[in-house]
Each structure stands twice: as C-alpha cells, then as structure tokens.
Amino acid sequence: MQPILENAGFKVTAKETAADTLDWLAEGSIPAAILLDLDVPHIQHDQFITACRDITRCEGLPVIALAGEASPK
C-alpha cells in the first residue's frame, strides 16, 4: 500500500507496530489519516483506535481500517 500512496503523491510514514504508531502520535505527530491493518499484531484494532482517541490531538483523526490476504496465484 505504501508504494501506491507514495506514487500518487502522498507522504507516507509507516510504523512497524501499533505501539510505535501510538508513541509517534503521542510525541506530537498528526497525520492526515491513519491506515490501520485489521490484523495488526499485539493489539486489537478497537484497542488501538481507543488508545489513539485518548491522545487529545487525535480525537478527530480519521482511521481507515483495511483487511486483506495475499492469495497464491
């Protein structure tokens, strides 16, 4: 997804884990939106969204949840 968005002209910041993302947000970064993998490890997606919303600056931040599997072809 990152290369597609970057090729379309978007600035993308990718984080390895939900914890990394929450730390990045808590440090003051405010993206235009978050693309969230529903299969994010170590945290349920609803827990991530709640934690994100607990960061005052992120209350209205759009979170777009995506799910997908690669199929062998």
N, C-alpha and C. Protein backbone atom coordinates (compact mmCIF):
# COMPACT_ATOMS: atom_id res chain seq x y z
N MET A 1 0.82 -1.18 0.00
CA MET A 1 0.00 0.00 0.00
C MET A 1 0.87 1.26 0.00
N GLN A 2 1.97 1.24 0.74
CA GLN A 2 2.83 2.41 0.82
C GLN A 2 3.32 2.88 -0.54
N PRO A 3 3.85 1.99 -1.41
CA PRO A 3 4.31 2.46 -2.72
C PRO A 3 3.18 3.06 -3.56
N ILE A 4 2.01 2.50 -3.48
CA ILE A 4 0.87 3.02 -4.25
C ILE A 4 0.55 4.45 -3.81
N LEU A 5 0.49 4.68 -2.51
CA LEU A 5 0.18 6.02 -1.99
C LEU A 5 1.29 7.01 -2.32
N GLU A 6 2.54 6.57 -2.18
CA GLU A 6 3.66 7.47 -2.50
C GLU A 6 3.68 7.81 -3.99
N ASN A 7 3.41 6.84 -4.85
CA ASN A 7 3.37 7.11 -6.29
C ASN A 7 2.23 8.05 -6.65
N ALA A 8 1.21 8.10 -5.82
CA ALA A 8 0.09 9.02 -6.04
C ALA A 8 0.38 10.41 -5.46
N GLY A 9 1.55 10.57 -4.83
CA GLY A 9 1.96 11.88 -4.33
C GLY A 9 1.75 12.10 -2.85
N PHE A 10 1.32 11.06 -2.12
CA PHE A 10 1.11 11.21 -0.69
C PHE A 10 2.41 10.98 0.07
N LYS A 11 2.60 11.71 1.16
CA LYS A 11 3.71 11.45 2.07
C LYS A 11 3.25 10.36 3.03
N VAL A 12 4.01 9.31 3.14
CA VAL A 12 3.62 8.16 3.96
C VAL A 12 4.66 7.94 5.04
N THR A 13 4.20 7.75 6.26
CA THR A 13 5.06 7.35 7.36
C THR A 13 4.56 5.99 7.84
N ALA A 14 5.37 4.96 7.70
CA ALA A 14 4.99 3.62 8.09
C ALA A 14 5.65 3.27 9.42
N LYS A 15 4.92 2.62 10.28
CA LYS A 15 5.44 2.16 11.56
C LYS A 15 5.30 0.65 11.63
N GLU A 16 6.22 0.00 12.31
CA GLU A 16 6.23 -1.46 12.40
C GLU A 16 5.14 -2.02 13.30
N THR A 17 4.86 -1.32 14.40
CA THR A 17 3.89 -1.84 15.38
C THR A 17 2.90 -0.76 15.77
N ALA A 18 1.80 -1.21 16.36
CA ALA A 18 0.81 -0.27 16.89
C ALA A 18 1.43 0.59 17.99
N ALA A 19 2.26 -0.02 18.82
CA ALA A 19 2.92 0.73 19.89
C ALA A 19 3.81 1.83 19.32
N ASP A 20 4.54 1.52 18.26
CA ASP A 20 5.38 2.54 17.61
C ASP A 20 4.52 3.69 17.10
N THR A 21 3.38 3.36 16.53
CA THR A 21 2.48 4.38 15.99
C THR A 21 1.93 5.25 17.11
N LEU A 22 1.49 4.64 18.20
CA LEU A 22 0.95 5.41 19.33
C LEU A 22 2.02 6.30 19.94
N ASP A 23 3.24 5.80 20.05
CA ASP A 23 4.34 6.63 20.56
C ASP A 23 4.58 7.81 19.63
N TRP A 24 4.59 7.57 18.34
CA TRP A 24 4.81 8.62 17.33
C TRP A 24 3.73 9.69 17.44
N LEU A 25 2.49 9.26 17.61
CA LEU A 25 1.38 10.21 17.78
C LEU A 25 1.51 10.99 19.08
N ALA A 26 1.85 10.31 20.16
CA ALA A 26 1.99 10.95 21.46
C ALA A 26 3.11 11.99 21.47
N GLU A 27 4.13 11.78 20.62
CA GLU A 27 5.25 12.73 20.52
C GLU A 27 4.86 14.00 19.77
N GLY A 28 3.65 14.01 19.18
CA GLY A 28 3.19 15.24 18.54
C GLY A 28 2.92 15.16 17.05
N SER A 29 3.19 14.02 16.44
CA SER A 29 2.93 13.89 15.00
C SER A 29 1.43 13.75 14.77
N ILE A 30 0.91 14.49 13.80
CA ILE A 30 -0.50 14.42 13.46
C ILE A 30 -0.63 14.20 11.96
N PRO A 31 -0.90 12.97 11.55
CA PRO A 31 -1.07 12.71 10.12
C PRO A 31 -2.46 13.14 9.66
N ALA A 32 -2.66 13.15 8.36
CA ALA A 32 -3.99 13.46 7.81
C ALA A 32 -4.96 12.31 8.09
N ALA A 33 -4.44 11.09 8.14
CA ALA A 33 -5.25 9.91 8.40
C ALA A 33 -4.33 8.76 8.78
N ILE A 34 -4.91 7.73 9.36
CA ILE A 34 -4.18 6.50 9.67
C ILE A 34 -4.82 5.37 8.89
N LEU A 35 -3.99 4.58 8.20
CA LEU A 35 -4.44 3.34 7.58
C LEU A 35 -4.06 2.22 8.54
N LEU A 36 -5.05 1.51 9.03
CA LEU A 36 -4.84 0.50 10.06
C LEU A 36 -5.11 -0.89 9.51
N ASP A 37 -4.13 -1.75 9.61
CA ASP A 37 -4.30 -3.15 9.24
C ASP A 37 -5.12 -3.82 10.35
N LEU A 38 -6.26 -4.41 9.98
CA LEU A 38 -7.11 -5.05 10.99
C LEU A 38 -6.43 -6.25 11.64
N ASP A 39 -5.39 -6.76 11.01
CA ASP A 39 -4.65 -7.88 11.57
C ASP A 39 -3.39 -7.43 12.29
N VAL A 40 -3.38 -6.19 12.77
CA VAL A 40 -2.21 -5.67 13.46
C VAL A 40 -1.88 -6.56 14.67
N PRO A 41 -0.62 -6.98 14.80
CA PRO A 41 -0.26 -7.87 15.91
C PRO A 41 -0.16 -7.14 17.25
N HIS A 42 -0.36 -7.89 18.31
CA HIS A 42 -0.14 -7.45 19.69
C HIS A 42 -1.21 -6.52 20.25
N ILE A 43 -2.23 -6.16 19.46
CA ILE A 43 -3.29 -5.29 19.96
C ILE A 43 -4.51 -5.46 19.05
N GLN A 44 -5.68 -5.43 19.63
CA GLN A 44 -6.90 -5.48 18.83
C GLN A 44 -7.12 -4.12 18.19
N HIS A 45 -7.70 -4.10 17.02
CA HIS A 45 -7.87 -2.83 16.31
C HIS A 45 -8.73 -1.85 17.09
N ASP A 46 -9.73 -2.33 17.82
CA ASP A 46 -10.56 -1.41 18.61
C ASP A 46 -9.77 -0.82 19.78
N GLN A 47 -8.85 -1.60 20.33
CA GLN A 47 -7.98 -1.08 21.40
C GLN A 47 -7.05 0.00 20.85
N PHE A 48 -6.54 -0.22 19.65
CA PHE A 48 -5.68 0.79 19.03
C PHE A 48 -6.45 2.09 18.81
N ILE A 49 -7.65 1.98 18.27
CA ILE A 49 -8.45 3.19 17.99
C ILE A 49 -8.77 3.92 19.29
N THR A 50 -9.12 3.20 20.33
CA THR A 50 -9.39 3.83 21.62
C THR A 50 -8.15 4.54 22.15
N ALA A 51 -6.99 3.87 22.08
CA ALA A 51 -5.74 4.48 22.55
C ALA A 51 -5.40 5.71 21.72
N CYS A 52 -5.66 5.64 20.43
CA CYS A 52 -5.41 6.78 19.54
C CYS A 52 -6.31 7.95 19.94
N ARG A 53 -7.58 7.68 20.18
CA ARG A 53 -8.54 8.73 20.54
C ARG A 53 -8.22 9.34 21.90
N ASP A 54 -7.54 8.59 22.77
CA ASP A 54 -7.15 9.11 24.08
C ASP A 54 -6.06 10.19 23.97
N ILE A 55 -5.40 10.26 22.83
CA ILE A 55 -4.42 11.32 22.58
C ILE A 55 -5.22 12.52 22.08
N THR A 56 -5.32 13.56 22.87
CA THR A 56 -6.22 14.68 22.61
C THR A 56 -6.12 15.20 21.19
N ARG A 57 -4.92 15.37 20.68
CA ARG A 57 -4.76 15.92 19.33
C ARG A 57 -5.32 15.00 18.25
N CYS A 58 -5.59 13.76 18.59
CA CYS A 58 -6.01 12.77 17.60
C CYS A 58 -7.51 12.47 17.65
N GLU A 59 -8.26 13.21 18.43
CA GLU A 59 -9.69 12.90 18.61
C GLU A 59 -10.45 12.79 17.29
N GLY A 60 -10.23 13.69 16.36
CA GLY A 60 -10.96 13.67 15.10
C GLY A 60 -10.20 13.04 13.94
N LEU A 61 -9.09 12.42 14.23
CA LEU A 61 -8.24 11.85 13.19
C LEU A 61 -8.93 10.65 12.52
N PRO A 62 -9.07 10.68 11.19
CA PRO A 62 -9.67 9.54 10.51
C PRO A 62 -8.78 8.30 10.60
N VAL A 63 -9.39 7.17 10.94
CA VAL A 63 -8.70 5.89 10.95
C VAL A 63 -9.42 5.01 9.93
N ILE A 64 -8.68 4.61 8.92
CA ILE A 64 -9.24 3.78 7.85
C ILE A 64 -8.72 2.37 8.06
N ALA A 65 -9.62 1.46 8.37
CA ALA A 65 -9.24 0.08 8.67
C ALA A 65 -9.28 -0.76 7.40
N LEU A 66 -8.21 -1.50 7.17
CA LEU A 66 -8.09 -2.33 5.98
C LEU A 66 -7.79 -3.76 6.39
N ALA A 67 -8.33 -4.68 5.64
CA ALA A 67 -8.02 -6.09 5.84
C ALA A 67 -7.73 -6.71 4.48
N GLY A 68 -6.83 -7.61 4.46
CA GLY A 68 -6.53 -8.26 3.19
C GLY A 68 -5.64 -9.45 3.40
N GLU A 69 -5.77 -10.38 2.48
CA GLU A 69 -4.90 -11.55 2.49
C GLU A 69 -4.32 -11.71 1.10
N ALA A 70 -3.11 -12.15 1.08
CA ALA A 70 -2.49 -12.46 -0.21
C ALA A 70 -2.94 -13.84 -0.63
N SER A 71 -3.35 -13.96 -1.84
CA SER A 71 -3.73 -15.28 -2.33
C SER A 71 -2.68 -15.75 -3.34
N PRO A 72 -2.32 -17.00 -3.25
CA PRO A 72 -1.29 -17.51 -4.17
C PRO A 72 -1.84 -17.58 -5.59
N LYS A 73 -1.13 -16.96 -6.53
CA LYS A 73 -1.52 -17.01 -7.96
C LYS A 73 -0.29 -17.00 -8.80
